Amino acid sequence: MTRKVEPGLLEGLFELLSRLPWWLGMAAAVVSFVLLHEIATQPHGAEAHMGDIGSTVASEVWRTAAAFGQVILPLLFGAAATISAIRARQRKRNPDQRHEK
């Protein structure tokens, strides 16, 4: 018996973005980089007091996630835009081919 593997979040997002116009994927890459870069480069707060340790940890987690995301998401969006552009070019060359699976 074989199990059908469900796609993950990034795979589903990649598939969705690769079906959008290529320029939309490139715009998403630029916007995601700019927004996440802003979060990742925010200055660290002053020394935290014991009562503020939770908010300090949370802000550091967000900053770290944004630092990784500012690289990963634009690459994902750019790759999806490239696939979209390739598919659009193939459709122009082969107008008989309606939909891909």
N, C-alpha and C. Protein backbone atom coordinates (compact mmCIF):
# COMPACT_ATOMS: atom_id res chain seq x y z
N MET A 1 0.83 -1.17 0.00
CA MET A 1 0.00 0.00 0.00
C MET A 1 0.88 1.25 0.00
N THR A 2 0.57 2.15 -0.86
CA THR A 2 1.35 3.39 -0.89
C THR A 2 0.50 4.53 -0.34
N ARG A 3 1.16 5.42 0.36
CA ARG A 3 0.48 6.60 0.91
C ARG A 3 0.75 7.79 0.03
N LYS A 4 -0.25 8.60 -0.14
CA LYS A 4 -0.08 9.83 -0.89
C LYS A 4 0.47 10.88 0.07
N VAL A 5 1.57 11.47 -0.30
CA VAL A 5 2.21 12.46 0.56
C VAL A 5 1.60 13.83 0.28
N GLU A 6 1.14 14.48 1.33
CA GLU A 6 0.57 15.82 1.18
C GLU A 6 1.70 16.83 1.06
N PRO A 7 1.52 17.83 0.18
CA PRO A 7 2.58 18.84 0.05
C PRO A 7 2.65 19.71 1.29
N GLY A 8 3.85 20.18 1.60
CA GLY A 8 4.05 21.05 2.74
C GLY A 8 3.66 22.48 2.42
N LEU A 9 3.79 23.33 3.40
CA LEU A 9 3.41 24.73 3.25
C LEU A 9 4.24 25.42 2.17
N LEU A 10 5.56 25.25 2.21
CA LEU A 10 6.41 25.90 1.22
C LEU A 10 6.17 25.34 -0.18
N GLU A 11 5.94 24.05 -0.28
CA GLU A 11 5.67 23.46 -1.59
C GLU A 11 4.36 23.96 -2.17
N GLY A 12 3.35 24.07 -1.32
CA GLY A 12 2.06 24.59 -1.76
C GLY A 12 2.16 26.04 -2.17
N LEU A 13 2.90 26.83 -1.40
CA LEU A 13 3.11 28.23 -1.72
C LEU A 13 3.87 28.37 -3.03
N PHE A 14 4.88 27.53 -3.22
CA PHE A 14 5.65 27.55 -4.47
C PHE A 14 4.75 27.23 -5.66
N GLU A 15 3.93 26.23 -5.52
CA GLU A 15 3.02 25.84 -6.61
C GLU A 15 2.05 26.96 -6.93
N LEU A 16 1.49 27.58 -5.90
CA LEU A 16 0.57 28.69 -6.11
C LEU A 16 1.26 29.84 -6.82
N LEU A 17 2.43 30.22 -6.35
CA LEU A 17 3.15 31.35 -6.95
C LEU A 17 3.61 31.05 -8.37
N SER A 18 3.92 29.81 -8.67
CA SER A 18 4.37 29.48 -10.02
C SER A 18 3.23 29.53 -11.02
N ARG A 19 2.00 29.55 -10.54
CA ARG A 19 0.84 29.66 -11.43
C ARG A 19 0.40 31.12 -11.63
N LEU A 20 0.95 32.03 -10.84
CA LEU A 20 0.65 33.45 -11.00
C LEU A 20 1.54 34.04 -12.09
N PRO A 21 1.21 35.24 -12.58
CA PRO A 21 2.11 35.89 -13.54
C PRO A 21 3.51 36.08 -12.93
N TRP A 22 4.53 35.96 -13.77
CA TRP A 22 5.91 36.01 -13.28
C TRP A 22 6.23 37.31 -12.58
N TRP A 23 5.66 38.41 -13.08
CA TRP A 23 5.98 39.72 -12.49
C TRP A 23 5.42 39.84 -11.08
N LEU A 24 4.34 39.14 -10.79
CA LEU A 24 3.77 39.15 -9.45
C LEU A 24 4.69 38.41 -8.47
N GLY A 25 5.27 37.33 -8.92
CA GLY A 25 6.23 36.60 -8.09
C GLY A 25 7.47 37.42 -7.79
N MET A 26 7.96 38.16 -8.80
CA MET A 26 9.12 39.01 -8.58
C MET A 26 8.78 40.17 -7.64
N ALA A 27 7.58 40.72 -7.77
CA ALA A 27 7.16 41.79 -6.85
C ALA A 27 7.08 41.25 -5.43
N ALA A 28 6.57 40.04 -5.27
CA ALA A 28 6.50 39.42 -3.94
C ALA A 28 7.90 39.21 -3.37
N ALA A 29 8.86 38.86 -4.22
CA ALA A 29 10.24 38.68 -3.77
C ALA A 29 10.81 39.99 -3.23
N VAL A 30 10.60 41.06 -3.97
CA VAL A 30 11.14 42.36 -3.55
C VAL A 30 10.46 42.84 -2.27
N VAL A 31 9.13 42.75 -2.24
CA VAL A 31 8.39 43.23 -1.06
C VAL A 31 8.75 42.41 0.17
N SER A 32 8.86 41.09 0.02
CA SER A 32 9.19 40.27 1.18
C SER A 32 10.60 40.58 1.70
N PHE A 33 11.53 40.82 0.79
CA PHE A 33 12.88 41.17 1.24
C PHE A 33 12.88 42.49 1.99
N VAL A 34 12.24 43.50 1.44
CA VAL A 34 12.25 44.82 2.06
C VAL A 34 11.59 44.76 3.44
N LEU A 35 10.42 44.14 3.53
CA LEU A 35 9.72 44.08 4.82
C LEU A 35 10.48 43.27 5.86
N LEU A 36 10.97 42.11 5.47
CA LEU A 36 11.69 41.28 6.43
C LEU A 36 13.05 41.87 6.80
N HIS A 37 13.67 42.57 5.87
CA HIS A 37 14.94 43.23 6.17
C HIS A 37 14.74 44.33 7.22
N GLU A 38 13.62 45.04 7.10
CA GLU A 38 13.30 46.08 8.10
C GLU A 38 13.18 45.47 9.50
N ILE A 39 12.51 44.33 9.58
CA ILE A 39 12.33 43.67 10.88
C ILE A 39 13.67 43.12 11.39
N ALA A 40 14.43 42.49 10.48
CA ALA A 40 15.68 41.84 10.88
C ALA A 40 16.74 42.84 11.34
N THR A 41 16.68 44.05 10.84
CA THR A 41 17.73 45.03 11.18
C THR A 41 17.28 46.05 12.22
N GLN A 42 16.16 45.79 12.88
CA GLN A 42 15.75 46.69 13.95
C GLN A 42 16.79 46.64 15.06
N PRO A 43 17.04 47.79 15.67
CA PRO A 43 18.03 47.79 16.75
C PRO A 43 17.53 46.97 17.94
N HIS A 44 18.46 46.36 18.61
CA HIS A 44 18.13 45.59 19.80
C HIS A 44 17.76 46.56 20.91
N GLY A 45 16.82 46.13 21.74
CA GLY A 45 16.39 46.98 22.85
C GLY A 45 17.48 47.12 23.89
N ALA A 46 17.27 48.06 24.76
CA ALA A 46 18.23 48.23 25.87
C ALA A 46 18.17 46.98 26.74
N GLU A 47 19.02 46.92 27.72
CA GLU A 47 19.04 45.74 28.58
C GLU A 47 17.65 45.51 29.17
N ALA A 48 17.22 44.28 29.08
CA ALA A 48 15.88 43.93 29.54
C ALA A 48 15.84 43.78 31.04
N HIS A 49 14.74 44.19 31.61
CA HIS A 49 14.50 43.95 33.02
C HIS A 49 13.86 42.58 33.15
N MET A 50 13.89 42.01 34.31
CA MET A 50 13.35 40.66 34.49
C MET A 50 11.88 40.56 34.10
N GLY A 51 11.12 41.62 34.28
CA GLY A 51 9.70 41.58 33.91
C GLY A 51 9.49 41.62 32.41
N ASP A 52 10.47 42.09 31.65
CA ASP A 52 10.35 42.22 30.20
C ASP A 52 11.04 41.10 29.43
N ILE A 53 11.48 40.08 30.12
CA ILE A 53 12.27 39.04 29.46
C ILE A 53 11.46 38.31 28.39
N GLY A 54 10.18 38.12 28.61
CA GLY A 54 9.34 37.44 27.61
C GLY A 54 9.23 38.23 26.33
N SER A 55 9.01 39.53 26.43
CA SER A 55 8.90 40.35 25.23
C SER A 55 10.25 40.47 24.53
N THR A 56 11.32 40.47 25.30
CA THR A 56 12.65 40.53 24.70
C THR A 56 12.94 39.26 23.91
N VAL A 57 12.60 38.12 24.48
CA VAL A 57 12.81 36.84 23.78
C VAL A 57 11.95 36.79 22.53
N ALA A 58 10.69 37.22 22.63
CA ALA A 58 9.79 37.20 21.48
C ALA A 58 10.31 38.09 20.36
N SER A 59 10.82 39.27 20.70
CA SER A 59 11.33 40.16 19.66
C SER A 59 12.59 39.58 19.01
N GLU A 60 13.41 38.89 19.79
CA GLU A 60 14.59 38.26 19.21
C GLU A 60 14.22 37.10 18.30
N VAL A 61 13.18 36.35 18.67
CA VAL A 61 12.72 35.26 17.81
C VAL A 61 12.21 35.82 16.49
N TRP A 62 11.42 36.89 16.54
CA TRP A 62 10.91 37.52 15.30
C TRP A 62 12.06 38.04 14.45
N ARG A 63 13.04 38.67 15.10
CA ARG A 63 14.18 39.22 14.37
C ARG A 63 14.98 38.11 13.68
N THR A 64 15.16 37.00 14.39
CA THR A 64 15.90 35.87 13.82
C THR A 64 15.12 35.24 12.66
N ALA A 65 13.81 35.05 12.84
CA ALA A 65 12.98 34.50 11.76
C ALA A 65 13.01 35.42 10.54
N ALA A 66 12.96 36.72 10.77
CA ALA A 66 13.01 37.67 9.66
C ALA A 66 14.36 37.63 8.96
N ALA A 67 15.44 37.43 9.72
CA ALA A 67 16.77 37.35 9.12
C ALA A 67 16.88 36.17 8.16
N PHE A 68 16.33 35.03 8.54
CA PHE A 68 16.31 33.88 7.64
C PHE A 68 15.31 34.08 6.51
N GLY A 69 14.15 34.60 6.85
CA GLY A 69 13.09 34.80 5.86
C GLY A 69 13.46 35.78 4.78
N GLN A 70 14.29 36.79 5.11
CA GLN A 70 14.66 37.78 4.10
C GLN A 70 15.52 37.18 3.00
N VAL A 71 16.05 35.99 3.23
CA VAL A 71 16.82 35.30 2.21
C VAL A 71 15.97 34.19 1.56
N ILE A 72 15.30 33.41 2.39
CA ILE A 72 14.58 32.23 1.90
C ILE A 72 13.37 32.61 1.06
N LEU A 73 12.52 33.50 1.55
CA LEU A 73 11.30 33.84 0.81
C LEU A 73 11.57 34.50 -0.54
N PRO A 74 12.46 35.49 -0.64
CA PRO A 74 12.72 36.03 -1.98
C PRO A 74 13.27 34.98 -2.96
N LEU A 75 14.09 34.06 -2.46
CA LEU A 75 14.57 32.98 -3.33
C LEU A 75 13.42 32.10 -3.80
N LEU A 76 12.52 31.77 -2.89
CA LEU A 76 11.35 30.96 -3.24
C LEU A 76 10.48 31.69 -4.24
N PHE A 77 10.20 32.98 -3.98
CA PHE A 77 9.36 33.76 -4.88
C PHE A 77 10.03 33.94 -6.24
N GLY A 78 11.34 34.17 -6.25
CA GLY A 78 12.06 34.33 -7.51
C GLY A 78 12.08 33.05 -8.33
N ALA A 79 12.25 31.92 -7.66
CA ALA A 79 12.24 30.63 -8.36
C ALA A 79 10.86 30.35 -8.94
N ALA A 80 9.81 30.65 -8.18
CA ALA A 80 8.45 30.45 -8.67
C ALA A 80 8.17 31.38 -9.85
N ALA A 81 8.66 32.61 -9.79
CA ALA A 81 8.48 33.55 -10.90
C ALA A 81 9.21 33.05 -12.15
N THR A 82 10.37 32.44 -11.96
CA THR A 82 11.11 31.89 -13.09
C THR A 82 10.34 30.74 -13.73
N ILE A 83 9.80 29.86 -12.92
CA ILE A 83 8.98 28.75 -13.45
C ILE A 83 7.76 29.31 -14.18
N SER A 84 7.13 30.32 -13.61
CA SER A 84 5.97 30.94 -14.24
C SER A 84 6.33 31.55 -15.60
N ALA A 85 7.48 32.22 -15.68
CA ALA A 85 7.92 32.81 -16.94
C ALA A 85 8.21 31.73 -17.98
N ILE A 86 8.82 30.63 -17.54
CA ILE A 86 9.11 29.52 -18.46
C ILE A 86 7.81 28.92 -18.98
N ARG A 87 6.85 28.72 -18.09
CA ARG A 87 5.55 28.17 -18.51
C ARG A 87 4.84 29.10 -19.48
N ALA A 88 4.89 30.40 -19.21
CA ALA A 88 4.24 31.38 -20.09
C ALA A 88 4.89 31.36 -21.48
N ARG A 89 6.20 31.25 -21.50
CA ARG A 89 6.91 31.20 -22.78
C ARG A 89 6.56 29.93 -23.55
N GLN A 90 6.44 28.82 -22.83
CA GLN A 90 6.06 27.57 -23.49
C GLN A 90 4.64 27.65 -24.03
N ARG A 91 3.75 28.31 -23.29
CA ARG A 91 2.37 28.46 -23.77
C ARG A 91 2.32 29.33 -25.01
N LYS A 92 3.18 30.34 -25.09
CA LYS A 92 3.21 31.18 -26.28
C LYS A 92 3.70 30.39 -27.49
N ARG A 93 4.69 29.52 -27.27
CA ARG A 93 5.22 28.71 -28.37
C ARG A 93 4.25 27.62 -28.78
N ASN A 94 3.50 27.08 -27.84
CA ASN A 94 2.56 25.99 -28.07
C ASN A 94 1.16 26.42 -27.68
N PRO A 95 0.48 27.20 -28.50
CA PRO A 95 -0.85 27.66 -28.12
C PRO A 95 -1.88 26.54 -28.02
N ASP A 96 -1.61 25.39 -28.63
CA ASP A 96 -2.53 24.26 -28.56
C ASP A 96 -2.59 23.65 -27.18
N GLN A 97 -1.50 23.79 -26.44
CA GLN A 97 -1.42 23.21 -25.09
C GLN A 97 -2.17 24.14 -24.13
N ARG A 98 -3.30 23.69 -23.62
CA ARG A 98 -4.16 24.53 -22.79
C ARG A 98 -3.71 24.60 -21.34
N HIS A 99 -3.68 23.49 -20.66
CA HIS A 99 -3.38 23.46 -19.23
C HIS A 99 -2.38 22.36 -18.95
N GLU A 100 -1.51 22.66 -18.00
CA GLU A 100 -0.59 21.64 -17.53
C GLU A 100 -1.09 21.07 -16.23
N LYS A 101 -0.75 19.83 -15.99
CA LYS A 101 -1.15 19.21 -14.72
C LYS A 101 -0.11 19.42 -13.70
